[in-house]
N, C-alpha and C. Protein backbone atom coordinates (compact mmCIF):
# COMPACT_ATOMS: atom_id res chain seq x y z
N MET A 1 11.80 0.01 28.99
CA MET A 1 10.28 0.17 28.75
C MET A 1 9.71 -0.74 28.07
N SER A 2 8.71 -1.33 28.80
CA SER A 2 7.91 -2.21 28.18
C SER A 2 6.55 -1.57 27.40
N ILE A 3 6.18 -2.28 26.30
CA ILE A 3 4.85 -1.63 25.41
C ILE A 3 3.84 -2.80 25.71
N SER A 4 2.45 -2.05 26.09
CA SER A 4 1.42 -2.97 26.13
C SER A 4 0.80 -3.37 24.92
N ALA A 5 0.09 -4.53 25.48
CA ALA A 5 -0.62 -5.23 24.18
C ALA A 5 -1.49 -4.33 23.48
N SER A 6 -2.38 -3.45 23.82
CA SER A 6 -2.91 -2.68 23.45
C SER A 6 -2.23 -1.52 22.39
N GLN A 7 -1.08 -0.97 22.99
CA GLN A 7 0.02 -0.40 22.24
C GLN A 7 0.27 -1.29 20.95
N LEU A 8 0.67 -2.44 21.17
CA LEU A 8 1.27 -3.14 20.06
C LEU A 8 0.00 -3.39 18.99
N ALA A 9 -1.13 -3.53 19.52
CA ALA A 9 -2.33 -3.68 18.74
C ALA A 9 -2.62 -2.38 17.83
N GLU A 10 -2.39 -1.26 18.56
CA GLU A 10 -2.63 0.12 17.84
C GLU A 10 -1.54 0.20 16.84
N ARG A 11 -0.25 0.12 17.16
CA ARG A 11 0.55 -0.06 15.86
C ARG A 11 0.21 -0.71 14.74
N ARG A 12 -0.10 -2.22 14.83
CA ARG A 12 -0.35 -3.10 13.82
C ARG A 12 -1.73 -2.70 13.09
N ARG A 13 -2.75 -1.89 13.74
CA ARG A 13 -3.55 -1.52 13.28
C ARG A 13 -3.29 -0.03 12.14
N LYS A 14 -2.49 0.57 12.96
CA LYS A 14 -2.12 1.79 12.09
C LYS A 14 -1.02 1.58 10.55
N ARG A 15 -0.30 0.41 10.72
CA ARG A 15 0.27 -0.12 9.78
C ARG A 15 -0.70 -0.72 8.59
N THR A 16 -1.52 -1.40 9.12
CA THR A 16 -2.32 -1.82 8.23
C THR A 16 -3.06 -0.98 7.39
N ARG A 17 -3.81 0.05 8.20
CA ARG A 17 -4.54 1.15 7.46
C ARG A 17 -4.12 1.96 6.47
N ALA A 18 -2.55 2.02 7.24
CA ALA A 18 -1.68 3.00 6.15
C ALA A 18 -1.52 2.29 5.01
N ARG A 19 -1.35 0.86 4.74
CA ARG A 19 -1.11 0.38 3.55
C ARG A 19 -2.50 0.48 2.86
N LEU A 20 -3.45 0.07 3.44
CA LEU A 20 -4.92 0.37 2.71
C LEU A 20 -5.32 1.51 2.00
N LEU A 21 -5.20 2.49 2.70
CA LEU A 21 -5.47 3.81 2.62
C LEU A 21 -4.91 4.30 1.16
N LYS A 22 -4.09 4.01 0.56
CA LYS A 22 -3.37 4.02 -0.75
C LYS A 22 -4.34 3.46 -1.79
N VAL A 23 -5.13 2.41 -1.47
CA VAL A 23 -5.75 1.63 -2.49
C VAL A 23 -7.01 2.03 -2.26
N SER A 24 -7.79 2.53 -0.96
CA SER A 24 -8.88 2.65 -0.81
C SER A 24 -9.38 3.67 -1.01
N LYS A 25 -9.03 4.53 -1.93
CA LYS A 25 -9.49 6.00 -2.63
C LYS A 25 -10.43 5.52 -3.40
N LEU A 26 -10.17 4.31 -4.31
CA LEU A 26 -11.10 3.81 -5.50
C LEU A 26 -12.05 2.76 -5.10
N ARG A 27 -11.92 2.10 -4.04
CA ARG A 27 -12.66 0.97 -3.48
C ARG A 27 -13.13 1.22 -1.94
N PRO A 28 -14.19 0.72 -1.61
CA PRO A 28 -14.81 0.80 -0.16
C PRO A 28 -13.82 0.06 0.63
N ARG A 29 -13.76 0.18 1.92
CA ARG A 29 -12.72 -0.63 3.16
C ARG A 29 -13.94 -1.53 3.74
N LEU A 30 -13.63 -2.81 3.62
CA LEU A 30 -14.59 -3.97 4.78
C LEU A 30 -13.56 -4.06 5.72
N SER A 31 -14.10 -3.24 7.05
CA SER A 31 -13.24 -3.54 8.31
C SER A 31 -13.98 -4.56 9.10
N VAL A 32 -12.99 -5.10 9.97
CA VAL A 32 -13.52 -6.23 10.52
C VAL A 32 -12.93 -5.90 12.35
N TYR A 33 -14.16 -5.95 13.03
CA TYR A 33 -13.64 -5.61 14.51
C TYR A 33 -14.51 -7.38 15.12
N ARG A 34 -13.66 -7.90 16.05
CA ARG A 34 -13.67 -8.89 16.57
C ARG A 34 -13.63 -8.97 18.18
N SER A 35 -14.53 -9.32 18.70
CA SER A 35 -14.52 -9.26 20.42
C SER A 35 -14.59 -10.51 20.64
N SER A 36 -14.55 -10.96 22.26
CA SER A 36 -14.64 -12.36 22.50
C SER A 36 -16.04 -12.77 22.10
N ARG A 37 -16.92 -11.97 22.04
CA ARG A 37 -18.29 -12.58 21.90
C ARG A 37 -19.02 -12.42 20.66
N HIS A 38 -18.59 -11.61 19.87
CA HIS A 38 -19.19 -11.21 18.76
C HIS A 38 -18.08 -10.59 17.64
N ILE A 39 -18.68 -10.72 16.33
CA ILE A 39 -17.74 -10.35 15.32
C ILE A 39 -18.54 -9.13 14.55
N TYR A 40 -18.14 -8.15 14.04
CA TYR A 40 -18.67 -7.10 13.44
C TYR A 40 -17.77 -6.58 12.04
N VAL A 41 -18.66 -6.38 11.13
CA VAL A 41 -17.92 -6.04 9.69
C VAL A 41 -18.69 -4.79 9.22
N GLN A 42 -17.99 -3.91 8.76
CA GLN A 42 -18.54 -2.87 8.04
C GLN A 42 -18.01 -2.54 6.79
N VAL A 43 -18.74 -1.89 5.56
CA VAL A 43 -17.97 -1.51 4.51
C VAL A 43 -18.17 -0.07 4.41
N ILE A 44 -16.74 0.48 4.41
CA ILE A 44 -16.82 1.94 4.60
C ILE A 44 -16.25 2.70 3.40
N ASP A 45 -16.98 3.86 2.90
CA ASP A 45 -16.43 4.83 1.96
C ASP A 45 -15.36 5.66 2.61
N ASP A 46 -14.12 5.52 2.43
CA ASP A 46 -13.29 6.64 3.06
C ASP A 46 -13.09 8.02 2.56
N THR A 47 -13.62 8.41 1.45
CA THR A 47 -13.61 9.59 0.73
C THR A 47 -14.64 10.52 1.33
N ALA A 48 -16.09 9.84 1.39
CA ALA A 48 -17.12 10.20 1.98
C ALA A 48 -17.15 10.35 3.32
N GLY A 49 -16.39 9.42 4.23
CA GLY A 49 -16.36 9.28 5.50
C GLY A 49 -17.61 8.79 6.13
N CYS A 50 -18.13 7.71 5.47
CA CYS A 50 -19.34 6.97 5.76
C CYS A 50 -19.47 5.62 5.75
N THR A 51 -20.30 5.01 6.49
CA THR A 51 -20.56 3.53 6.48
C THR A 51 -21.66 3.32 5.43
N LEU A 52 -21.26 2.21 4.53
CA LEU A 52 -22.23 2.03 3.48
C LEU A 52 -23.02 0.93 4.11
N THR A 53 -22.89 -0.32 4.41
CA THR A 53 -23.48 -1.19 4.94
C THR A 53 -22.59 -2.01 6.02
N GLN A 54 -23.30 -2.74 6.85
CA GLN A 54 -22.65 -3.36 8.05
C GLN A 54 -23.35 -4.55 8.38
N ALA A 55 -22.47 -5.72 8.97
CA ALA A 55 -23.29 -6.64 9.47
C ALA A 55 -22.72 -7.10 10.69
N SER A 56 -23.17 -8.00 11.40
CA SER A 56 -22.56 -8.47 12.74
C SER A 56 -23.29 -9.50 13.30
N SER A 57 -22.64 -10.18 14.42
CA SER A 57 -23.37 -11.58 14.78
C SER A 57 -24.26 -11.20 15.79
N LYS A 58 -24.72 -9.67 15.86
CA LYS A 58 -25.66 -9.28 16.71
C LYS A 58 -26.87 -8.97 15.89
N ASP A 59 -27.08 -9.21 14.65
CA ASP A 59 -28.16 -8.70 13.88
C ASP A 59 -29.30 -9.63 13.82
N LYS A 60 -30.37 -9.06 13.51
CA LYS A 60 -31.60 -9.95 13.50
C LYS A 60 -31.44 -10.70 12.45
N ALA A 61 -30.79 -10.64 11.79
CA ALA A 61 -30.72 -11.83 10.29
C ALA A 61 -29.77 -12.78 10.35
N PHE A 62 -28.90 -12.43 11.46
CA PHE A 62 -27.96 -13.64 11.90
C PHE A 62 -28.63 -14.68 12.58
N LYS A 63 -28.32 -15.97 11.88
CA LYS A 63 -29.02 -17.15 12.38
C LYS A 63 -28.32 -18.03 12.92
N GLY A 64 -27.17 -17.76 13.72
CA GLY A 64 -26.46 -18.61 14.52
C GLY A 64 -26.80 -18.74 15.91
N SER A 65 -26.31 -19.50 16.75
CA SER A 65 -26.58 -19.75 18.19
C SER A 65 -25.70 -18.60 18.96
N THR A 66 -24.26 -18.67 18.47
CA THR A 66 -23.44 -17.82 18.93
C THR A 66 -22.46 -16.95 18.12
N GLY A 67 -21.91 -15.77 18.63
CA GLY A 67 -20.99 -15.41 17.35
C GLY A 67 -19.86 -15.35 17.75
N SER A 68 -19.20 -16.29 18.49
CA SER A 68 -17.72 -16.03 18.84
C SER A 68 -16.96 -17.66 18.17
N ASN A 69 -17.80 -18.09 17.08
CA ASN A 69 -16.85 -19.15 16.62
C ASN A 69 -16.75 -18.91 14.78
N VAL A 70 -15.91 -19.91 14.33
CA VAL A 70 -15.69 -19.71 12.75
C VAL A 70 -17.04 -19.74 12.09
N GLU A 71 -18.06 -20.55 12.55
CA GLU A 71 -19.05 -20.87 11.81
C GLU A 71 -19.97 -19.52 11.67
N ALA A 72 -19.90 -18.66 12.91
CA ALA A 72 -20.56 -17.49 13.05
C ALA A 72 -20.01 -16.30 12.11
N ALA A 73 -18.47 -16.43 12.09
CA ALA A 73 -17.87 -15.43 11.33
C ALA A 73 -18.19 -15.68 9.80
N SER A 74 -18.26 -17.07 9.50
CA SER A 74 -18.61 -17.29 8.10
C SER A 74 -20.00 -16.85 7.72
N GLU A 75 -21.12 -16.91 8.55
CA GLU A 75 -22.25 -16.76 8.34
C GLU A 75 -22.41 -15.10 8.15
N VAL A 76 -21.53 -14.40 9.11
CA VAL A 76 -21.56 -12.79 8.92
C VAL A 76 -21.03 -12.29 7.82
N GLY A 77 -20.03 -13.39 7.09
CA GLY A 77 -19.13 -12.86 5.87
C GLY A 77 -20.33 -12.88 4.85
N LYS A 78 -20.91 -13.97 4.56
CA LYS A 78 -22.04 -13.88 3.82
C LYS A 78 -23.03 -13.04 3.81
N LEU A 79 -23.60 -12.82 4.95
CA LEU A 79 -24.58 -11.77 5.19
C LEU A 79 -23.82 -10.20 4.73
N VAL A 80 -22.84 -9.84 4.79
CA VAL A 80 -22.18 -8.29 4.55
C VAL A 80 -21.98 -8.66 2.83
N ALA A 81 -21.64 -9.76 2.34
CA ALA A 81 -21.65 -9.68 0.98
C ALA A 81 -22.75 -9.73 0.45
N GLU A 82 -23.86 -10.13 1.16
CA GLU A 82 -25.05 -10.04 0.44
C GLU A 82 -25.65 -8.83 0.51
N ARG A 83 -25.54 -7.82 1.63
CA ARG A 83 -25.89 -6.63 1.44
C ARG A 83 -24.98 -5.59 0.74
N ALA A 84 -23.79 -5.88 0.55
CA ALA A 84 -22.81 -5.09 -0.47
C ALA A 84 -23.43 -5.27 -1.55
N THR A 85 -23.56 -6.46 -2.17
CA THR A 85 -24.01 -6.54 -3.51
C THR A 85 -25.44 -6.01 -3.77
N ALA A 86 -26.20 -5.88 -3.07
CA ALA A 86 -27.24 -5.21 -2.90
C ALA A 86 -27.59 -3.80 -3.34
N ILE A 87 -26.46 -3.06 -2.74
CA ILE A 87 -26.37 -1.71 -2.99
C ILE A 87 -25.58 -1.59 -4.05
N GLY A 88 -24.76 -2.53 -4.79
CA GLY A 88 -23.86 -2.32 -5.96
C GLY A 88 -22.34 -2.29 -5.76
N ILE A 89 -22.19 -2.81 -4.59
CA ILE A 89 -20.59 -2.98 -4.30
C ILE A 89 -20.29 -4.32 -4.49
N LYS A 90 -19.23 -4.46 -5.51
CA LYS A 90 -18.56 -5.57 -5.87
C LYS A 90 -17.31 -5.71 -5.62
N SER A 91 -16.32 -4.67 -5.46
CA SER A 91 -14.97 -4.62 -5.18
C SER A 91 -14.71 -4.07 -3.81
N VAL A 92 -14.02 -4.68 -2.92
CA VAL A 92 -13.76 -4.05 -1.52
C VAL A 92 -12.21 -4.25 -1.22
N VAL A 93 -11.61 -3.30 -0.40
CA VAL A 93 -10.15 -3.61 0.30
C VAL A 93 -10.68 -4.12 1.84
N PHE A 94 -9.85 -5.21 1.94
CA PHE A 94 -10.11 -5.97 3.20
C PHE A 94 -9.23 -5.46 4.18
N ASP A 95 -9.70 -4.68 5.28
CA ASP A 95 -9.13 -4.47 6.39
C ASP A 95 -9.36 -5.18 7.82
N ARG A 96 -8.00 -5.98 7.70
CA ARG A 96 -8.14 -6.97 9.19
C ARG A 96 -7.99 -6.21 10.41
N GLY A 97 -7.41 -4.67 10.34
CA GLY A 97 -7.33 -4.08 11.74
C GLY A 97 -6.07 -4.69 12.23
N SER A 98 -5.94 -4.96 13.48
CA SER A 98 -4.75 -5.41 14.11
C SER A 98 -4.80 -7.22 14.42
N TYR A 99 -5.70 -7.66 13.63
CA TYR A 99 -5.94 -9.27 13.91
C TYR A 99 -5.09 -9.92 12.72
N ILE A 100 -4.46 -10.94 13.02
CA ILE A 100 -4.10 -11.91 11.88
C ILE A 100 -4.86 -12.35 11.31
N PHE A 101 -4.63 -12.76 9.77
CA PHE A 101 -5.44 -13.55 8.95
C PHE A 101 -5.58 -15.00 9.10
N HIS A 102 -6.42 -15.25 10.28
CA HIS A 102 -6.55 -16.62 11.02
C HIS A 102 -7.70 -16.89 11.30
N GLY A 103 -8.41 -17.75 11.45
CA GLY A 103 -9.44 -18.51 12.31
C GLY A 103 -10.67 -17.39 11.80
N ARG A 104 -11.34 -16.78 12.65
CA ARG A 104 -12.72 -15.90 12.56
C ARG A 104 -12.67 -15.22 11.27
N VAL A 105 -11.18 -14.24 11.43
CA VAL A 105 -11.12 -13.30 10.29
C VAL A 105 -10.83 -13.90 9.09
N LYS A 106 -10.25 -14.93 9.03
CA LYS A 106 -10.14 -15.61 7.63
C LYS A 106 -11.34 -16.21 7.09
N ALA A 107 -12.37 -16.82 8.05
CA ALA A 107 -13.34 -17.36 7.64
C ALA A 107 -14.50 -16.33 7.19
N LEU A 108 -14.42 -15.20 7.91
CA LEU A 108 -15.32 -14.28 7.45
C LEU A 108 -14.96 -13.71 5.83
N ALA A 109 -13.67 -13.56 5.86
CA ALA A 109 -13.22 -13.16 4.65
C ALA A 109 -13.51 -14.09 3.19
N GLU A 110 -13.04 -15.37 3.36
CA GLU A 110 -13.32 -16.26 2.62
C GLU A 110 -15.10 -16.39 2.16
N SER A 111 -15.59 -16.47 3.35
CA SER A 111 -17.30 -16.26 2.81
C SER A 111 -17.75 -15.37 2.31
N ALA A 112 -17.20 -14.02 2.56
CA ALA A 112 -17.29 -12.60 2.06
C ALA A 112 -17.09 -12.88 0.44
N ARG A 113 -15.83 -13.58 0.10
CA ARG A 113 -15.60 -13.63 -1.35
C ARG A 113 -16.13 -14.74 -1.84
N GLU A 114 -17.03 -15.73 -1.19
CA GLU A 114 -17.94 -16.73 -1.98
C GLU A 114 -19.22 -16.21 -2.10
N GLY A 115 -19.55 -14.98 -1.33
CA GLY A 115 -20.75 -14.16 -1.63
C GLY A 115 -20.78 -13.13 -2.60
N GLY A 116 -19.55 -13.22 -3.45
CA GLY A 116 -19.65 -12.19 -4.35
C GLY A 116 -18.57 -10.95 -4.36
N LEU A 117 -17.93 -10.56 -3.12
CA LEU A 117 -17.34 -9.61 -2.93
C LEU A 117 -15.78 -9.97 -3.57
N ASN A 118 -15.29 -9.16 -4.21
CA ASN A 118 -13.41 -9.18 -4.64
C ASN A 118 -12.59 -8.43 -4.18
N PHE A 119 -11.77 -9.06 -3.71
CA PHE A 119 -10.79 -8.30 -2.76
C PHE A 119 -9.46 -9.13 -2.63
């Protein structure tokens, strides 16, 4: 029996989330979703079950021409860090989902760190 790619991604996502939920009771979770055209990021409070802030390459504040490259991900990371520090969040837990820490996901994380978020 073969396992589909979406089932493997779901397994990776659950495995990553299980490790993070132990720590995210103390800090909000910075969750990343990456599509073929855009990149989205949310700061989520798991205890209250609500999104505190978000940013994406579809936002009006986004200044890049395309949302599917490393430069766009870097800009979205800066944007979410700016919004999170504006509401008083300095420390988060990084949730990469089922994506490997490489390319756009890594660029987003590094620019969020440069923007003032600790994780």
